[in-house]
Structure formats: C-alpha cells, structure tokens
Amino acid sequence: MGNSGIKQHIQNAEKTGVCQLCNMGLTELPEELQRLAKNLRTLDLSSNKLAALPPSMGKFTVLKSLTANNNRLASLPEDIFALKKLDTLSLSRNRLTTIPPSISRLAALKTLTLSGNGIKQFPLEISALRHLDVLDLSSNAITEIPSGCGGVQAIEINLNQNQISTISESIADCPRLKVLRLEENCLQLMAVPSKILTNSNVSLLALDGNLFEMKNFQELEGYETYMERYTAAKKKMF
C-alpha cells in the first residue's frame, strides 16, 4: 500500500482513535502519525520492518493498546514507558533480548505479550505492575524462574518453549496466579517445587514436553491437592 493508503488510514484514525498500519513495509513511523498524538487509543504496527520505535511515542498520551508484532525491534525507547494509560503491549516475534527495568512504570498494563523474542532472563521488574493479568514470554531463551518472583500479579504466565530447568518455589507465592504454562522446557521432575502443588493458587500447571513422563508428575507430593483446585476451576468454567 502506498503513501496515499497510509494517509487514508491516518485520516480515518483521527475520527476513530484506532490506527492499523500492518503489512505496509514500514521502516519508520510516518510523520503524519504525530497528528494523532492526543487522541489515538489503539495502534497496530504489526508485520512491518521497524527496527526501532521513535522517542516521540511518548507523546501518545491516551494510547491504551500498542501492537508491533513481527518487526525487527531490538530495543525500546525509554519514552514509551511514559504511556500511563497503556493497558496492552504486544511485541511478539521481534529481536528483543532484554526487558528494560522501566517497564515497571507502565502502571495500567494488563496484558504483556513478548513471545518469540530472544529474552534470556525472567523480568522481575514486572512485579511492580499491579494490574497485570496476562504475561506471555513463550518461545524465548529463559533458563530459570528466579527467586523474588512471588510479587508478580499476573493471573496467567506463559513460559512455554523456553529453556527453563530451574524454578524458584517463590513462584507459588504469586497472589493471583491461576495458570502457569511451562510446556516444552528443560525441566526434570525434581525441579517442580511441591509448593506449587500444595500451597499456591495455581489451578492449571501445564508441563507437557519436559524431561519426564507426565504419569510420574502424578506421584509428586501435593498432586491430589493441586487436582482439587484444577477440578474446582473446571467446574466454574461450565
């Protein structure tokens, strides 16, 4: 789509507050987008060739949802963390290897999706996000869930397809955590803390594709306690 098509999208977004600039071959944000800084609520930049987001992103003060999946982002500008109303940030399939500590400033964030990057460490800074519901870190290069993670507020954490071999039992202390996905990692059975089963709120612990047979998982201490939570959660769904 040519420049005229981009301008049409931006003109429409002036009325709707929603702008989708997907699959347009963009290597940088169009200058015309700045006109929307005061009224844009939703911006989708997926499937372009963006290597960076500009510092001017910090001027989009009412932005609630930012999606830039399938680009070439290797870092994030500090200014983006000034977006006080942002509740959804999705940056899947980029080239991120770290998450800046400043992520803790996104106080309204509810959904953080960072799957398919090269992130190597679980970001403890997200513990400051008091409204976070969903954290997706699947398909990265994380090797452990570290101690100190018990303050994470997420209801669901997806860590499928990483390289995790170590789990701190402090993950059991997460006050709202109901769903923990750890499929296709490098876990031995002994690496699964019994506290997750005996003394947590986790009602779905997904462990398929690790270095043990799932039938042996059923022999762990606390498995029956965990299954009571699992069954009760299933009943609530129907």
Protein backbone atom coordinates (compact mmCIF):
# COMPACT_ATOMS: atom_id res chain seq x y z
CA MET A 1 0.00 0.00 0.00
CA GLY A 2 1.44 3.37 -0.97
CA ASN A 3 1.74 6.64 0.88
CA SER A 4 -1.80 7.63 -0.06
CA GLY A 5 -3.09 4.48 1.62
CA ILE A 6 -1.20 5.31 4.80
CA LYS A 7 -2.64 8.83 4.79
CA GLN A 8 -6.14 7.41 4.42
CA HIS A 9 -5.62 5.16 7.45
CA ILE A 10 -4.40 8.13 9.47
CA GLN A 11 -7.33 10.28 8.40
CA ASN A 12 -9.74 7.55 9.48
CA ALA A 13 -7.89 7.20 12.78
CA GLU A 14 -8.42 10.89 13.52
CA LYS A 15 -12.12 10.08 13.77
CA THR A 16 -11.98 6.63 15.37
CA GLY A 17 -8.90 6.75 17.61
CA VAL A 18 -7.85 3.41 16.09
CA CYS A 19 -4.98 3.10 13.58
CA GLN A 20 -3.83 -0.09 11.87
CA LEU A 21 -0.69 0.16 9.76
CA CYS A 22 0.05 -3.54 9.29
CA ASN A 23 1.91 -5.15 6.39
CA MET A 24 2.97 -1.87 4.82
CA GLY A 25 6.73 -2.37 4.64
CA LEU A 26 7.32 0.48 7.09
CA THR A 27 10.91 1.01 8.25
CA GLU A 28 9.91 4.02 10.38
CA LEU A 29 6.70 5.61 11.58
CA PRO A 30 5.06 8.05 9.15
CA GLU A 31 5.41 11.68 10.28
CA GLU A 32 1.68 12.19 9.76
CA LEU A 33 1.04 9.86 12.68
CA GLN A 34 2.11 12.67 15.04
CA ARG A 35 -1.19 14.41 14.36
CA LEU A 36 -2.87 11.65 16.36
CA ALA A 37 -0.70 12.02 19.45
CA LYS A 38 -3.52 13.45 21.58
CA ASN A 39 -6.40 11.18 20.56
CA LEU A 40 -5.03 7.79 19.41
CA ARG A 41 -6.14 4.94 21.67
CA THR A 42 -5.13 1.87 19.61
CA LEU A 43 -2.12 1.48 17.32
CA ASP A 44 -1.18 -1.70 15.43
CA LEU A 45 2.15 -1.70 13.57
CA SER A 46 2.46 -5.46 13.06
CA SER A 47 4.31 -7.14 10.19
CA ASN A 48 6.47 -4.24 9.09
CA LYS A 49 10.25 -3.75 9.07
CA LEU A 50 10.59 -1.48 12.08
CA ALA A 51 13.99 -1.70 13.75
CA ALA A 52 13.09 0.93 16.35
CA LEU A 53 10.20 2.90 17.75
CA PRO A 54 10.82 6.66 17.94
CA PRO A 55 11.08 8.61 21.21
CA SER A 56 8.02 10.55 20.02
CA MET A 57 5.92 7.52 21.01
CA GLY A 58 5.91 9.03 24.49
CA LYS A 59 3.66 11.82 23.22
CA PHE A 60 0.73 9.45 22.56
CA THR A 61 -0.64 10.15 26.00
CA VAL A 62 -4.04 8.43 25.68
CA LEU A 63 -2.75 5.28 23.94
CA LYS A 64 -4.23 2.16 25.55
CA SER A 65 -3.10 -0.58 23.14
CA LEU A 66 0.19 -0.82 21.24
CA THR A 67 0.89 -3.82 19.00
CA ALA A 68 4.07 -4.18 16.97
CA ASN A 69 4.33 -7.92 16.41
CA ASN A 70 6.59 -9.35 13.71
CA ASN A 71 9.02 -6.47 13.29
CA ARG A 72 12.77 -6.07 13.91
CA LEU A 73 12.74 -4.31 17.26
CA ALA A 74 15.87 -4.96 19.31
CA SER A 75 15.21 -2.33 21.97
CA LEU A 76 12.54 0.06 23.22
CA PRO A 77 12.81 3.82 23.73
CA GLU A 78 12.57 5.00 27.33
CA ASP A 79 9.81 7.41 26.29
CA ILE A 80 7.41 4.53 25.67
CA PHE A 81 7.31 3.85 29.40
CA ALA A 82 5.67 7.24 29.98
CA LEU A 83 2.40 5.92 28.49
CA LYS A 84 0.38 5.94 31.69
CA LYS A 85 -2.83 4.63 30.11
CA LEU A 86 -1.30 1.73 28.17
CA ASP A 87 -3.02 -1.50 29.20
CA THR A 88 -1.96 -3.77 26.31
CA LEU A 89 1.56 -4.09 24.91
CA SER A 90 2.26 -6.80 22.33
CA LEU A 91 5.74 -7.16 20.82
CA SER A 92 5.86 -10.80 19.70
CA ARG A 93 8.34 -12.04 17.11
CA ASN A 94 10.87 -9.24 17.37
CA ARG A 95 14.56 -9.22 18.35
CA LEU A 96 14.34 -8.22 21.99
CA THR A 97 16.87 -9.86 24.32
CA THR A 98 16.14 -7.89 27.49
CA ILE A 99 13.21 -6.07 29.07
CA PRO A 100 14.15 -2.60 30.39
CA PRO A 101 13.59 -2.03 34.13
CA SER A 102 11.46 0.96 33.13
CA ILE A 103 8.67 -1.47 32.20
CA SER A 104 7.67 -1.02 35.85
CA ARG A 105 6.42 2.49 35.01
CA LEU A 106 3.55 1.18 32.83
CA ALA A 107 1.21 1.25 35.80
CA ALA A 108 -2.00 0.47 33.85
CA LEU A 109 -0.62 -2.55 31.96
CA LYS A 110 -2.89 -5.62 31.97
CA THR A 111 -1.53 -7.70 29.08
CA LEU A 112 2.16 -8.01 28.16
CA THR A 113 2.99 -10.24 25.19
CA LEU A 114 6.65 -10.79 24.35
CA SER A 115 6.63 -14.26 22.78
CA GLY A 116 9.07 -15.21 20.05
CA ASN A 117 11.96 -12.96 21.05
CA GLY A 118 15.42 -13.78 22.47
CA ILE A 119 14.76 -12.78 26.09
CA LYS A 120 17.11 -14.62 28.43
CA GLN A 121 16.02 -13.58 31.91
CA PHE A 122 12.66 -13.56 33.63
CA PRO A 123 11.90 -9.85 34.22
CA LEU A 124 11.40 -9.34 37.95
CA GLU A 125 10.61 -5.67 37.28
CA ILE A 126 7.10 -6.67 36.24
CA SER A 127 6.32 -7.28 39.91
CA ALA A 128 5.59 -3.56 40.07
CA LEU A 129 2.73 -3.91 37.56
CA ARG A 130 -0.17 -4.19 39.98
CA HIS A 131 -2.87 -4.67 37.33
CA LEU A 132 -1.07 -7.22 35.13
CA ASP A 133 -3.38 -10.11 34.20
CA VAL A 134 -1.53 -11.93 31.40
CA LEU A 135 2.21 -12.30 30.83
CA ASP A 136 3.30 -14.17 27.67
CA LEU A 137 7.01 -14.94 27.48
CA SER A 138 6.70 -18.11 25.41
CA SER A 139 9.30 -19.01 22.78
CA ASN A 140 12.21 -17.12 24.31
CA ALA A 141 15.55 -18.23 25.84
CA ILE A 142 14.73 -18.02 29.56
CA THR A 143 16.56 -20.64 31.64
CA GLU A 144 15.08 -20.15 35.11
CA ILE A 145 12.22 -18.70 37.12
CA PRO A 146 14.26 -16.80 39.73
CA SER A 147 13.69 -16.21 43.41
CA GLY A 148 11.89 -12.96 44.09
CA CYS A 149 9.17 -13.66 41.54
CA GLY A 150 6.48 -14.07 44.19
CA GLY A 151 5.31 -10.49 43.79
CA VAL A 152 4.19 -10.91 40.17
CA GLN A 153 0.48 -10.10 39.98
CA ALA A 154 -0.37 -11.95 36.75
CA ILE A 155 -3.26 -14.39 36.64
CA GLU A 156 -1.65 -16.29 33.76
CA ILE A 157 2.04 -16.69 32.92
CA ASN A 158 3.02 -18.44 29.68
CA LEU A 159 6.61 -19.70 29.58
CA ASN A 160 6.15 -22.47 27.04
CA GLN A 161 9.05 -23.23 24.71
CA ASN A 162 11.89 -21.72 26.70
CA GLN A 163 14.96 -23.44 28.21
CA ILE A 164 13.84 -23.44 31.83
CA SER A 165 15.50 -26.03 34.07
CA THR A 166 15.13 -24.27 37.45
CA ILE A 167 12.01 -22.94 39.18
CA SER A 168 12.12 -21.00 42.42
CA GLU A 169 9.40 -22.06 44.84
CA SER A 170 8.61 -18.36 45.31
CA ILE A 171 6.51 -18.62 42.14
CA ALA A 172 3.95 -20.29 44.42
CA ASP A 173 3.62 -17.01 46.33
CA CYS A 174 2.19 -15.08 43.36
CA PRO A 175 -1.12 -13.94 44.88
CA ARG A 176 -3.29 -14.09 41.73
CA LEU A 177 -1.54 -16.76 39.65
CA LYS A 178 -4.01 -19.37 38.39
CA VAL A 179 -2.40 -20.58 35.13
CA LEU A 180 1.30 -21.42 34.74
CA ARG A 181 2.38 -22.77 31.36
CA LEU A 182 5.77 -24.48 31.20
CA GLU A 183 5.41 -26.85 28.26
CA GLU A 184 8.44 -27.79 26.16
CA ASN A 185 11.15 -26.67 28.53
CA CYS A 186 14.14 -28.49 30.10
CA LEU A 187 12.57 -29.46 33.41
CA GLN A 188 13.39 -32.58 35.37
CA LEU A 189 10.59 -33.78 37.63
CA MET A 190 12.57 -32.87 40.75
CA ALA A 191 12.75 -29.25 39.54
CA VAL A 192 8.99 -28.77 40.02
CA PRO A 193 8.56 -27.24 43.51
CA SER A 194 5.99 -29.14 45.55
CA LYS A 195 4.83 -25.80 46.98
CA ILE A 196 3.16 -25.01 43.63
CA LEU A 197 1.01 -28.09 44.20
CA THR A 198 0.48 -27.91 47.95
CA ASN A 199 0.31 -24.21 48.71
CA SER A 200 -0.48 -21.92 45.78
CA ASN A 201 -3.47 -20.66 43.82
CA VAL A 202 -2.33 -22.36 40.60
CA SER A 203 -5.19 -24.41 39.19
CA LEU A 204 -3.61 -25.19 35.80
CA LEU A 205 0.05 -26.23 35.65
CA ALA A 206 0.96 -27.21 32.07
CA LEU A 207 4.13 -29.33 31.92
CA ASP A 208 3.91 -31.47 28.78
CA GLY A 209 7.07 -31.81 26.72
CA ASN A 210 9.64 -31.69 29.51
CA LEU A 211 12.25 -34.26 30.58
CA PHE A 212 9.89 -36.58 32.44
CA GLU A 213 6.79 -38.65 31.90
CA MET A 214 3.56 -36.92 32.90
CA LYS A 215 2.44 -40.09 34.71
CA ASN A 216 5.32 -39.52 37.14
CA PHE A 217 4.08 -35.99 37.79
CA GLN A 218 1.03 -37.58 39.42
CA GLU A 219 3.29 -39.12 42.09
CA LEU A 220 4.56 -35.78 43.39
CA GLU A 221 3.70 -34.61 46.89
CA GLY A 222 0.65 -32.38 46.76
CA TYR A 223 -0.64 -33.64 43.43
CA GLU A 224 -4.05 -34.50 44.89
CA THR A 225 -4.32 -31.03 46.46
CA TYR A 226 -3.49 -29.48 43.09
CA MET A 227 -6.09 -31.64 41.34
CA GLU A 228 -8.77 -30.41 43.75
CA ARG A 229 -8.05 -26.84 42.61
CA TYR A 230 -7.91 -27.97 38.98
CA THR A 231 -11.28 -29.71 39.20
CA ALA A 232 -12.91 -26.80 41.03
CA ALA A 233 -11.65 -24.38 38.37
CA LYS A 234 -13.02 -26.60 35.60
CA LYS A 235 -16.44 -26.66 37.23
CA LYS A 236 -16.51 -22.86 37.38
CA MET A 237 -15.97 -22.72 33.61
CA PHE A 238 -19.15 -24.66 32.87
